[in-house]
């Protein structure tokens, strides 16, 4: 689909941090370069607001990560990781992201969703039909919903050039390596964003 991207377009970027973090870790055993994602998704258009949705750890040591996001113009919204009595954990910002996108839509021409989560399909369709927004998606194609890619006005597949969007990515070593449950590098905090998984500050 051919879409128009011009410098006067008002753009809002909504980043599903957990989705990108786990996709990068599972597919490439690497870390996400949020600066590169912002730069590619925005292009030369007018950024109105960029928000990253983050789940905080019990230790609360994400301060450096939040500061790094702020340096490249991304606001961080946080929610505590929920741990239930049976040991189950819940880390979900889907509703919060969707509500923010809908609330901001009247001030935007283009909404960019950085996630491959198929749960955002109704949001994409609502923004297109009810708000008249151009909706674009950027994510790792191999771990993205096929339907989400189909309904979006434009889809940027980060798997086409993973090195561009990852930090310390070494293709020759990651092709044959897969994290195991007993792998010491597969941290026990893998279900939340590690504060050390920084962003590229050269945005």
N, C-alpha and C. Protein backbone atom coordinates (compact mmCIF):
# COMPACT_ATOMS: atom_id res chain seq x y z
N UNK A 1 0.83 -1.19 0.00
CA UNK A 1 0.00 0.00 0.00
C UNK A 1 0.87 1.25 0.00
N UNK A 2 0.55 2.18 -0.87
CA UNK A 2 1.31 3.42 -0.95
C UNK A 2 0.72 4.45 0.01
N UNK A 3 1.57 4.97 0.90
CA UNK A 3 1.10 5.97 1.84
C UNK A 3 1.95 7.22 1.72
N UNK A 4 1.44 8.31 2.26
CA UNK A 4 2.13 9.59 2.18
C UNK A 4 2.77 9.89 3.53
N UNK A 5 4.05 10.27 3.48
CA UNK A 5 4.76 10.69 4.67
C UNK A 5 5.43 12.02 4.35
N UNK A 6 4.92 13.10 4.94
CA UNK A 6 5.52 14.41 4.67
C UNK A 6 5.81 15.13 5.98
N UNK A 7 6.66 16.14 5.91
CA UNK A 7 7.21 16.76 7.12
C UNK A 7 6.18 17.46 8.00
N UNK A 8 5.00 17.79 7.44
CA UNK A 8 3.99 18.48 8.24
C UNK A 8 3.04 17.52 8.95
N UNK A 9 3.20 16.24 8.73
CA UNK A 9 2.36 15.26 9.42
C UNK A 9 2.66 15.26 10.92
N UNK A 10 1.61 15.30 11.71
CA UNK A 10 1.75 15.25 13.17
C UNK A 10 1.72 13.78 13.59
N UNK A 11 2.79 13.36 14.24
CA UNK A 11 2.97 11.94 14.53
C UNK A 11 3.03 11.67 16.03
N UNK A 12 2.35 10.60 16.43
CA UNK A 12 2.44 10.09 17.79
C UNK A 12 2.98 8.68 17.73
N UNK A 13 3.96 8.36 18.58
CA UNK A 13 4.57 7.03 18.59
C UNK A 13 4.30 6.38 19.94
N UNK A 14 3.77 5.17 19.89
CA UNK A 14 3.38 4.45 21.10
C UNK A 14 4.14 3.12 21.12
N UNK A 15 5.02 2.96 22.10
CA UNK A 15 5.97 1.85 22.10
C UNK A 15 5.61 0.80 23.16
N UNK A 16 5.31 -0.39 22.69
CA UNK A 16 5.06 -1.53 23.57
C UNK A 16 6.42 -2.12 23.93
N UNK A 17 7.03 -1.57 24.95
CA UNK A 17 8.41 -1.90 25.29
C UNK A 17 8.63 -3.39 25.54
N UNK A 18 7.72 -4.00 26.28
CA UNK A 18 7.87 -5.42 26.60
C UNK A 18 7.85 -6.29 25.35
N UNK A 19 6.96 -5.97 24.41
CA UNK A 19 6.85 -6.76 23.19
C UNK A 19 8.15 -6.71 22.39
N UNK A 20 8.71 -5.52 22.23
CA UNK A 20 9.95 -5.38 21.47
C UNK A 20 11.12 -6.02 22.22
N UNK A 21 11.15 -5.86 23.53
CA UNK A 21 12.23 -6.42 24.34
C UNK A 21 12.27 -7.95 24.20
N UNK A 22 11.13 -8.59 24.37
CA UNK A 22 11.10 -10.05 24.29
C UNK A 22 11.34 -10.56 22.87
N UNK A 23 10.85 -9.82 21.88
CA UNK A 23 11.09 -10.23 20.49
C UNK A 23 12.58 -10.20 20.18
N UNK A 24 13.25 -9.12 20.58
CA UNK A 24 14.69 -8.99 20.34
C UNK A 24 15.47 -10.08 21.08
N UNK A 25 15.04 -10.38 22.28
CA UNK A 25 15.74 -11.38 23.09
C UNK A 25 15.53 -12.78 22.53
N UNK A 26 14.28 -13.10 22.17
CA UNK A 26 13.97 -14.45 21.70
C UNK A 26 14.49 -14.72 20.29
N UNK A 27 14.40 -13.71 19.42
CA UNK A 27 14.82 -13.91 18.03
C UNK A 27 16.33 -13.77 17.85
N UNK A 28 16.94 -12.81 18.55
CA UNK A 28 18.34 -12.48 18.29
C UNK A 28 19.23 -12.49 19.54
N UNK A 29 18.65 -12.79 20.68
CA UNK A 29 19.39 -12.74 21.95
C UNK A 29 20.17 -11.43 22.05
N UNK A 30 19.45 -10.36 21.76
CA UNK A 30 20.07 -9.04 21.74
C UNK A 30 19.13 -8.03 22.39
N UNK A 31 19.55 -6.77 22.38
CA UNK A 31 18.79 -5.71 23.02
C UNK A 31 18.31 -4.69 22.00
N UNK A 32 17.22 -4.03 22.32
CA UNK A 32 16.58 -3.11 21.39
C UNK A 32 17.26 -1.74 21.40
N UNK A 33 17.45 -1.18 20.21
CA UNK A 33 17.96 0.18 20.06
C UNK A 33 16.75 1.09 19.81
N UNK A 34 16.21 1.65 20.88
CA UNK A 34 14.99 2.45 20.76
C UNK A 34 15.22 3.74 19.96
N UNK A 35 16.43 4.26 20.00
CA UNK A 35 16.74 5.45 19.23
C UNK A 35 16.61 5.20 17.74
N UNK A 36 17.10 4.04 17.28
CA UNK A 36 17.01 3.70 15.87
C UNK A 36 15.56 3.47 15.44
N UNK A 37 14.78 2.87 16.33
CA UNK A 37 13.36 2.65 16.03
C UNK A 37 12.64 3.98 15.86
N UNK A 38 12.88 4.90 16.78
CA UNK A 38 12.28 6.23 16.69
C UNK A 38 12.65 6.92 15.39
N UNK A 39 13.94 6.89 15.06
CA UNK A 39 14.43 7.58 13.88
C UNK A 39 13.81 7.02 12.61
N UNK A 40 13.73 5.70 12.50
CA UNK A 40 13.18 5.06 11.32
C UNK A 40 11.68 5.29 11.20
N UNK A 41 10.97 5.16 12.30
CA UNK A 41 9.52 5.29 12.27
C UNK A 41 9.08 6.72 11.97
N UNK A 42 9.76 7.68 12.56
CA UNK A 42 9.36 9.09 12.41
C UNK A 42 9.75 9.68 11.06
N UNK A 43 10.95 9.37 10.59
CA UNK A 43 11.42 10.00 9.36
C UNK A 43 11.64 11.49 9.59
N UNK A 44 11.19 12.31 8.64
CA UNK A 44 11.37 13.76 8.78
C UNK A 44 10.08 14.45 9.21
N UNK A 45 9.17 13.69 9.80
CA UNK A 45 7.88 14.24 10.17
C UNK A 45 7.90 14.89 11.56
N UNK A 46 6.80 15.56 11.91
CA UNK A 46 6.73 16.31 13.16
C UNK A 46 6.28 15.41 14.31
N UNK A 47 7.16 15.20 15.27
CA UNK A 47 6.82 14.38 16.42
C UNK A 47 6.04 15.22 17.43
N UNK A 48 4.83 14.77 17.73
CA UNK A 48 4.02 15.44 18.74
C UNK A 48 4.27 14.82 20.11
N UNK A 49 4.31 13.50 20.13
CA UNK A 49 4.57 12.82 21.41
C UNK A 49 5.00 11.39 21.16
N UNK A 50 5.94 10.93 21.96
CA UNK A 50 6.39 9.53 21.90
C UNK A 50 6.35 8.98 23.32
N UNK A 51 5.68 7.84 23.48
CA UNK A 51 5.51 7.27 24.81
C UNK A 51 5.92 5.80 24.79
N UNK A 52 6.74 5.42 25.76
CA UNK A 52 7.12 4.02 25.93
C UNK A 52 6.44 3.50 27.20
N UNK A 53 5.84 2.34 27.08
CA UNK A 53 5.11 1.74 28.19
C UNK A 53 5.98 0.63 28.80
N UNK A 54 6.32 0.80 30.08
CA UNK A 54 7.33 -0.03 30.71
C UNK A 54 6.79 -0.67 31.99
N UNK A 55 7.14 -1.93 32.20
CA UNK A 55 6.82 -2.62 33.45
C UNK A 55 8.04 -2.53 34.37
N UNK A 56 7.83 -2.05 35.57
CA UNK A 56 8.95 -1.89 36.50
C UNK A 56 9.19 -3.17 37.29
N UNK A 57 10.43 -3.38 37.71
CA UNK A 57 10.79 -4.55 38.50
C UNK A 57 10.60 -4.24 39.99
N UNK A 58 10.64 -5.27 40.80
CA UNK A 58 10.52 -5.08 42.24
C UNK A 58 11.68 -4.25 42.78
N UNK A 59 12.84 -4.41 42.17
CA UNK A 59 14.02 -3.68 42.63
C UNK A 59 13.93 -2.20 42.31
N UNK A 60 13.14 -1.85 41.28
CA UNK A 60 12.97 -0.46 40.91
C UNK A 60 14.23 0.19 40.42
N UNK A 61 15.05 -0.55 39.65
CA UNK A 61 16.35 -0.03 39.22
C UNK A 61 16.34 0.42 37.76
N UNK A 62 15.20 0.91 37.29
CA UNK A 62 15.08 1.30 35.88
C UNK A 62 15.41 2.77 35.61
N UNK A 63 15.87 3.48 36.62
CA UNK A 63 16.07 4.92 36.49
C UNK A 63 16.96 5.29 35.30
N UNK A 64 18.06 4.58 35.13
CA UNK A 64 18.98 4.91 34.04
C UNK A 64 18.32 4.68 32.67
N UNK A 65 17.49 3.66 32.60
CA UNK A 65 16.78 3.38 31.35
C UNK A 65 15.81 4.50 31.04
N UNK A 66 15.06 4.97 32.04
CA UNK A 66 14.11 6.05 31.83
C UNK A 66 14.83 7.34 31.42
N UNK A 67 15.96 7.59 32.03
CA UNK A 67 16.73 8.80 31.69
C UNK A 67 17.21 8.74 30.25
N UNK A 68 17.63 7.56 29.82
CA UNK A 68 18.11 7.40 28.45
C UNK A 68 16.97 7.60 27.46
N UNK A 69 15.79 7.10 27.80
CA UNK A 69 14.63 7.32 26.93
C UNK A 69 14.34 8.81 26.82
N UNK A 70 14.37 9.50 27.93
CA UNK A 70 14.09 10.94 27.94
C UNK A 70 15.03 11.73 27.06
N UNK A 71 16.28 11.30 26.99
CA UNK A 71 17.27 12.02 26.18
C UNK A 71 16.97 11.95 24.69
N UNK A 72 16.23 10.94 24.26
CA UNK A 72 15.88 10.85 22.84
C UNK A 72 14.42 11.22 22.59
N UNK A 73 13.81 11.86 23.60
CA UNK A 73 12.47 12.41 23.40
C UNK A 73 11.33 11.44 23.63
N UNK A 74 11.59 10.36 24.38
CA UNK A 74 10.54 9.38 24.66
C UNK A 74 10.13 9.48 26.12
N UNK A 75 8.83 9.69 26.34
CA UNK A 75 8.29 9.71 27.69
C UNK A 75 8.04 8.27 28.14
N UNK A 76 8.38 7.95 29.37
CA UNK A 76 8.17 6.61 29.88
C UNK A 76 6.99 6.59 30.84
N UNK A 77 6.07 5.66 30.59
CA UNK A 77 4.97 5.42 31.52
C UNK A 77 5.21 4.07 32.15
N UNK A 78 5.09 4.00 33.47
CA UNK A 78 5.43 2.76 34.17
C UNK A 78 4.24 2.14 34.88
N UNK A 79 4.35 0.84 35.04
CA UNK A 79 3.36 0.07 35.79
C UNK A 79 4.12 -1.04 36.50
N UNK A 80 3.75 -1.29 37.74
CA UNK A 80 4.43 -2.33 38.50
C UNK A 80 4.06 -3.72 38.00
N UNK A 81 5.03 -4.62 38.05
CA UNK A 81 4.79 -6.02 37.72
C UNK A 81 3.90 -6.62 38.80
N UNK A 82 2.82 -7.26 38.38
CA UNK A 82 1.91 -7.90 39.32
C UNK A 82 2.32 -9.36 39.53
N UNK A 83 2.50 -9.74 40.78
CA UNK A 83 2.84 -11.11 41.12
C UNK A 83 1.74 -11.67 42.02
N UNK A 84 1.08 -12.71 41.55
CA UNK A 84 -0.04 -13.28 42.27
C UNK A 84 0.43 -14.35 43.25
N UNK A 85 -0.45 -14.73 44.19
CA UNK A 85 -0.10 -15.66 45.26
C UNK A 85 0.42 -17.00 44.74
N UNK A 86 -0.07 -17.44 43.60
CA UNK A 86 0.37 -18.71 43.03
C UNK A 86 1.69 -18.62 42.29
N UNK A 87 2.25 -17.42 42.23
CA UNK A 87 3.53 -17.23 41.54
C UNK A 87 3.38 -16.70 40.13
N UNK A 88 2.15 -16.63 39.61
CA UNK A 88 1.92 -16.11 38.27
C UNK A 88 2.24 -14.62 38.22
N UNK A 89 2.73 -14.18 37.07
CA UNK A 89 3.10 -12.78 36.90
C UNK A 89 2.33 -12.17 35.73
N UNK A 90 1.96 -10.91 35.88
CA UNK A 90 1.24 -10.22 34.83
C UNK A 90 1.90 -8.89 34.55
N UNK A 91 2.18 -8.66 33.27
CA UNK A 91 2.81 -7.40 32.87
C UNK A 91 2.15 -6.96 31.56
N UNK A 92 1.17 -6.10 31.67
CA UNK A 92 0.37 -5.76 30.50
C UNK A 92 0.03 -4.28 30.46
N UNK A 93 0.41 -3.62 29.34
CA UNK A 93 0.11 -2.20 29.17
C UNK A 93 -0.82 -1.99 27.97
N UNK A 94 -1.38 -3.07 27.42
CA UNK A 94 -2.15 -2.96 26.18
C UNK A 94 -3.28 -1.93 26.26
N UNK A 95 -4.07 -2.01 27.33
CA UNK A 95 -5.22 -1.11 27.47
C UNK A 95 -4.75 0.33 27.62
N UNK A 96 -3.72 0.54 28.44
CA UNK A 96 -3.21 1.90 28.65
C UNK A 96 -2.69 2.52 27.36
N UNK A 97 -1.97 1.75 26.57
CA UNK A 97 -1.47 2.24 25.29
C UNK A 97 -2.62 2.60 24.36
N UNK A 98 -3.62 1.72 24.29
CA UNK A 98 -4.76 1.95 23.41
C UNK A 98 -5.54 3.20 23.82
N UNK A 99 -5.77 3.36 25.10
CA UNK A 99 -6.51 4.54 25.59
C UNK A 99 -5.76 5.82 25.26
N UNK A 100 -4.45 5.84 25.48
CA UNK A 100 -3.65 7.03 25.17
C UNK A 100 -3.70 7.36 23.68
N UNK A 101 -3.59 6.34 22.83
CA UNK A 101 -3.61 6.57 21.39
C UNK A 101 -4.95 7.16 20.95
N UNK A 102 -6.03 6.66 21.51
CA UNK A 102 -7.36 7.17 21.16
C UNK A 102 -7.54 8.60 21.66
N UNK A 103 -7.08 8.88 22.88
CA UNK A 103 -7.19 10.23 23.43
C UNK A 103 -6.39 11.24 22.64
N UNK A 104 -5.24 10.85 22.14
CA UNK A 104 -4.37 11.78 21.41
C UNK A 104 -4.69 11.86 19.92
N UNK A 105 -5.45 10.91 19.42
CA UNK A 105 -5.72 10.82 17.97
C UNK A 105 -6.23 12.11 17.33
N UNK A 106 -7.11 12.89 17.99
CA UNK A 106 -7.59 14.12 17.35
C UNK A 106 -6.49 15.13 17.04
N UNK A 107 -5.36 15.01 17.73
CA UNK A 107 -4.24 15.94 17.52
C UNK A 107 -3.17 15.36 16.61
N UNK A 108 -3.45 14.17 16.06
CA UNK A 108 -2.44 13.49 15.25
C UNK A 108 -2.96 13.17 13.85
N UNK A 109 -2.04 13.18 12.90
CA UNK A 109 -2.35 12.71 11.55
C UNK A 109 -1.95 11.24 11.40
N UNK A 110 -0.89 10.88 12.10
CA UNK A 110 -0.35 9.52 12.01
C UNK A 110 -0.07 8.96 13.40
N UNK A 111 -0.52 7.74 13.60
CA UNK A 111 -0.23 7.02 14.84
C UNK A 111 0.70 5.87 14.49
N UNK A 112 1.81 5.77 15.19
CA UNK A 112 2.76 4.68 14.96
C UNK A 112 2.76 3.79 16.20
N UNK A 113 2.50 2.52 16.01
CA UNK A 113 2.51 1.55 17.10
C UNK A 113 3.74 0.67 16.94
N UNK A 114 4.60 0.71 17.94
CA UNK A 114 5.81 -0.11 17.91
C UNK A 114 5.52 -1.39 18.70
N UNK A 115 4.97 -2.37 18.01
CA UNK A 115 4.61 -3.64 18.63
C UNK A 115 4.14 -4.60 17.54
N UNK A 116 4.29 -5.89 17.82
CA UNK A 116 3.77 -6.89 16.90
C UNK A 116 2.57 -7.62 17.47
N UNK A 117 2.01 -7.10 18.55
CA UNK A 117 0.92 -7.74 19.29
C UNK A 117 -0.41 -7.62 18.54
N UNK A 118 -0.99 -8.76 18.22
CA UNK A 118 -2.26 -8.77 17.51
C UNK A 118 -3.41 -8.18 18.30
N UNK A 119 -3.25 -8.00 19.60
CA UNK A 119 -4.30 -7.38 20.41
C UNK A 119 -4.57 -5.94 20.00
N UNK A 120 -3.64 -5.34 19.24
CA UNK A 120 -3.81 -3.95 18.82
C UNK A 120 -4.59 -3.81 17.51
N UNK A 121 -5.02 -4.91 16.93
CA UNK A 121 -5.77 -4.85 15.66
C UNK A 121 -7.03 -4.00 15.79
N UNK A 122 -7.87 -4.19 16.82
CA UNK A 122 -9.06 -3.33 16.95
C UNK A 122 -8.70 -1.86 17.10
N UNK A 123 -7.60 -1.57 17.79
CA UNK A 123 -7.15 -0.18 17.94
C UNK A 123 -6.79 0.41 16.59
N UNK A 124 -6.04 -0.32 15.79
CA UNK A 124 -5.65 0.16 14.46
C UNK A 124 -6.89 0.47 13.63
N UNK A 125 -7.85 -0.45 13.62
CA UNK A 125 -9.06 -0.27 12.82
C UNK A 125 -9.90 0.89 13.33
N UNK A 126 -9.97 1.07 14.63
CA UNK A 126 -10.73 2.19 15.20
C UNK A 126 -10.10 3.52 14.80
N UNK A 127 -8.79 3.63 14.94
CA UNK A 127 -8.10 4.88 14.60
C UNK A 127 -8.25 5.23 13.12
N UNK A 128 -8.24 4.22 12.29
CA UNK A 128 -8.39 4.45 10.85
C UNK A 128 -9.81 4.90 10.50
N UNK A 129 -10.80 4.19 11.01
CA UNK A 129 -12.18 4.43 10.61
C UNK A 129 -12.86 5.57 11.37
N UNK A 130 -12.56 5.70 12.65
CA UNK A 130 -13.26 6.69 13.47
C UNK A 130 -12.49 7.99 13.66
N UNK A 131 -11.18 7.94 13.60
CA UNK A 131 -10.38 9.14 13.81
C UNK A 131 -9.70 9.63 12.54
N UNK A 132 -9.75 8.83 11.49
CA UNK A 132 -9.14 9.25 10.22
C UNK A 132 -7.63 9.30 10.26
N UNK A 133 -7.03 8.55 11.17
CA UNK A 133 -5.56 8.56 11.29
C UNK A 133 -4.93 7.53 10.35
N UNK A 134 -3.76 7.87 9.88
CA UNK A 134 -2.92 6.90 9.19
C UNK A 134 -2.21 6.12 10.29
N UNK A 135 -2.32 4.80 10.27
CA UNK A 135 -1.74 4.00 11.34
C UNK A 135 -0.63 3.12 10.79
N UNK A 136 0.55 3.29 11.36
CA UNK A 136 1.72 2.54 10.93
C UNK A 136 2.21 1.67 12.07
N UNK A 137 2.80 0.54 11.73
CA UNK A 137 3.32 -0.39 12.73
C UNK A 137 4.79 -0.67 12.42
N UNK A 138 5.61 -0.68 13.46
CA UNK A 138 7.01 -1.08 13.32
C UNK A 138 7.29 -2.14 14.37
N UNK A 139 7.82 -3.27 13.95
CA UNK A 139 8.10 -4.37 14.89
C UNK A 139 8.93 -5.43 14.18
N UNK A 140 9.25 -6.48 14.92
CA UNK A 140 9.97 -7.60 14.34
C UNK A 140 8.95 -8.51 13.65
N UNK A 141 9.01 -8.58 12.34
CA UNK A 141 8.02 -9.30 11.56
C UNK A 141 7.85 -10.76 11.93
N UNK A 142 8.96 -11.41 12.30
CA UNK A 142 8.90 -12.85 12.62
C UNK A 142 8.07 -13.14 13.86
N UNK A 143 7.90 -12.16 14.71
CA UNK A 143 7.12 -12.38 15.93
C UNK A 143 5.89 -11.47 15.97
N UNK A 144 5.46 -11.01 14.81
CA UNK A 144 4.31 -10.11 14.72
C UNK A 144 3.08 -10.81 14.16
N UNK A 145 1.94 -10.33 14.58
CA UNK A 145 0.67 -10.85 14.08
C UNK A 145 0.54 -10.56 12.59
N UNK A 146 0.22 -11.59 11.81
CA UNK A 146 0.04 -11.41 10.37
C UNK A 146 -1.11 -10.46 10.09
N UNK A 147 -2.17 -10.56 10.87
CA UNK A 147 -3.34 -9.69 10.68
C UNK A 147 -3.01 -8.25 11.00
N UNK A 148 -2.20 -8.03 12.04
CA UNK A 148 -1.79 -6.67 12.39
C UNK A 148 -1.02 -6.04 11.24
N UNK A 149 -0.10 -6.80 10.66
CA UNK A 149 0.67 -6.30 9.52
C UNK A 149 -0.25 -5.97 8.34
N UNK A 150 -1.29 -6.75 8.20
CA UNK A 150 -2.22 -6.57 7.07
C UNK A 150 -3.08 -5.33 7.22
N UNK A 151 -3.58 -5.07 8.43
CA UNK A 151 -4.51 -3.95 8.61
C UNK A 151 -3.79 -2.61 8.71
N UNK A 152 -2.53 -2.60 9.08
CA UNK A 152 -1.78 -1.34 9.19
C UNK A 152 -1.62 -0.69 7.82
N UNK A 153 -1.61 0.64 7.81
CA UNK A 153 -1.40 1.36 6.55
C UNK A 153 0.03 1.18 6.05
N UNK A 154 0.94 0.96 6.97
CA UNK A 154 2.33 0.71 6.60
C UNK A 154 2.95 -0.15 7.69
N UNK A 155 3.81 -1.08 7.29
CA UNK A 155 4.48 -1.94 8.25
C UNK A 155 5.97 -1.94 7.98
N UNK A 156 6.74 -1.59 9.00
CA UNK A 156 8.20 -1.64 8.91
C UNK A 156 8.66 -2.88 9.65
N UNK A 157 9.27 -3.80 8.91
CA UNK A 157 9.72 -5.07 9.47
C UNK A 157 11.19 -4.95 9.90
N UNK A 158 11.41 -4.91 11.18
CA UNK A 158 12.77 -4.76 11.68
C UNK A 158 13.62 -6.01 11.46
N UNK A 159 12.97 -7.13 11.14
CA UNK A 159 13.73 -8.36 10.85
C UNK A 159 14.46 -8.27 9.51
N UNK A 160 14.07 -7.32 8.67
CA UNK A 160 14.73 -7.18 7.38
C UNK A 160 16.15 -6.63 7.53
N UNK A 161 16.38 -5.91 8.62
CA UNK A 161 17.72 -5.39 8.89
C UNK A 161 17.90 -5.29 10.41
N UNK A 162 17.94 -6.44 11.09
CA UNK A 162 17.96 -6.42 12.56
C UNK A 162 19.12 -5.65 13.17
N UNK A 163 20.26 -5.68 12.51
CA UNK A 163 21.43 -5.00 13.06
C UNK A 163 21.16 -3.50 13.26
N UNK A 164 20.29 -2.95 12.44
CA UNK A 164 19.97 -1.53 12.51
C UNK A 164 19.21 -1.18 13.78
N UNK A 165 18.47 -2.14 14.32
CA UNK A 165 17.58 -1.87 15.44
C UNK A 165 18.00 -2.54 16.75
N UNK A 166 19.17 -3.16 16.75
CA UNK A 166 19.61 -3.88 17.93
C UNK A 166 20.95 -3.35 18.43
N UNK A 167 21.22 -3.59 19.69
CA UNK A 167 22.48 -3.21 20.31
C UNK A 167 23.32 -4.47 20.52
N UNK A 168 24.58 -4.42 20.12
CA UNK A 168 25.49 -5.56 20.28
C UNK A 168 24.96 -6.83 19.62
N UNK A 169 24.51 -6.68 18.38
CA UNK A 169 23.99 -7.83 17.64
C UNK A 169 25.09 -8.42 16.77
N UNK A 170 25.33 -9.73 16.93
CA UNK A 170 26.35 -10.41 16.17
C UNK A 170 25.71 -11.60 15.45
N UNK A 171 25.32 -11.43 14.18
CA UNK A 171 24.57 -12.46 13.45
C UNK A 171 25.22 -13.83 13.46
N UNK A 172 26.54 -13.92 13.31
CA UNK A 172 27.19 -15.21 13.20
C UNK A 172 27.02 -16.06 14.45
N UNK A 173 26.95 -15.42 15.61
CA UNK A 173 26.83 -16.17 16.85
C UNK A 173 25.39 -16.43 17.26
N UNK A 174 24.47 -15.55 16.84
CA UNK A 174 23.09 -15.70 17.28
C UNK A 174 22.30 -16.66 16.43
N UNK A 175 22.75 -16.95 15.21
CA UNK A 175 21.99 -17.85 14.35
C UNK A 175 21.88 -19.24 14.95
N UNK A 176 22.96 -19.69 15.61
CA UNK A 176 22.95 -21.05 16.14
C UNK A 176 22.66 -21.10 17.63
N UNK A 177 22.62 -19.96 18.26
CA UNK A 177 22.44 -19.94 19.70
C UNK A 177 21.01 -19.62 20.07
N UNK A 178 20.44 -20.38 20.99
CA UNK A 178 19.11 -20.11 21.50
C UNK A 178 19.18 -20.16 23.02
N UNK A 179 18.59 -19.18 23.71
CA UNK A 179 18.64 -19.20 25.18
C UNK A 179 17.91 -20.41 25.72
N UNK A 180 18.47 -21.03 26.77
CA UNK A 180 17.85 -22.17 27.42
C UNK A 180 17.39 -21.76 28.80
N UNK A 181 16.50 -22.56 29.36
CA UNK A 181 15.98 -22.26 30.69
C UNK A 181 17.09 -22.23 31.73
N UNK A 182 18.13 -23.06 31.50
CA UNK A 182 19.22 -23.11 32.47
C UNK A 182 20.40 -22.26 32.06
N UNK A 183 20.19 -21.41 31.04
CA UNK A 183 21.27 -20.55 30.55
C UNK A 183 21.47 -19.41 31.54
N UNK A 184 22.66 -19.25 32.08
CA UNK A 184 22.90 -18.18 33.05
C UNK A 184 22.71 -16.80 32.46
N UNK A 185 22.77 -16.70 31.13
CA UNK A 185 22.57 -15.39 30.50
C UNK A 185 21.10 -15.09 30.31
N UNK A 186 20.25 -16.08 30.53
CA UNK A 186 18.81 -15.88 30.41
C UNK A 186 18.28 -15.52 31.80
N UNK A 187 18.41 -14.24 32.16
CA UNK A 187 18.19 -13.79 33.52
C UNK A 187 16.80 -14.15 34.02
N UNK A 188 16.70 -14.33 35.33
CA UNK A 188 15.41 -14.66 35.94
C UNK A 188 14.43 -13.52 35.80
N UNK A 189 14.92 -12.33 35.50
CA UNK A 189 14.04 -11.17 35.33
C UNK A 189 13.64 -10.99 33.88
N UNK A 190 13.66 -12.07 33.10
CA UNK A 190 13.40 -11.96 31.67
C UNK A 190 11.99 -11.53 31.34
N UNK A 191 11.08 -11.61 32.31
CA UNK A 191 9.71 -11.21 32.03
C UNK A 191 9.47 -9.73 32.24
N UNK A 192 10.51 -9.00 32.60
CA UNK A 192 10.41 -7.56 32.71
C UNK A 192 11.61 -6.94 32.02
N UNK A 193 11.50 -5.68 31.69
CA UNK A 193 12.58 -5.00 31.01
C UNK A 193 13.74 -4.75 31.95
N UNK A 194 14.91 -5.17 31.56
CA UNK A 194 16.11 -4.96 32.37
C UNK A 194 16.56 -3.52 32.22
N UNK A 195 16.83 -2.87 33.32
CA UNK A 195 17.25 -1.47 33.29
C UNK A 195 18.54 -1.29 32.53
N UNK A 196 19.34 -2.34 32.43
CA UNK A 196 20.61 -2.24 31.71
C UNK A 196 20.43 -2.32 30.21
N UNK A 197 19.23 -2.67 29.75
CA UNK A 197 18.98 -2.71 28.32
C UNK A 197 18.70 -1.29 27.85
N UNK A 198 19.77 -0.55 27.68
CA UNK A 198 19.68 0.88 27.43
C UNK A 198 19.26 1.18 26.00
N UNK A 199 19.09 2.45 25.72
CA UNK A 199 18.73 2.88 24.39
C UNK A 199 19.93 3.58 23.77
N UNK A 200 19.89 3.73 22.47
CA UNK A 200 20.96 4.43 21.78
C UNK A 200 20.72 5.92 21.96
N UNK A 201 21.70 6.63 22.51
CA UNK A 201 21.50 8.04 22.82
C UNK A 201 21.97 8.96 21.70
N UNK A 202 22.27 8.41 20.55
CA UNK A 202 22.74 9.23 19.44
C UNK A 202 21.62 9.59 18.49
N UNK A 203 20.36 9.48 18.96
CA UNK A 203 19.20 9.79 18.15
C UNK A 203 19.26 11.21 17.61
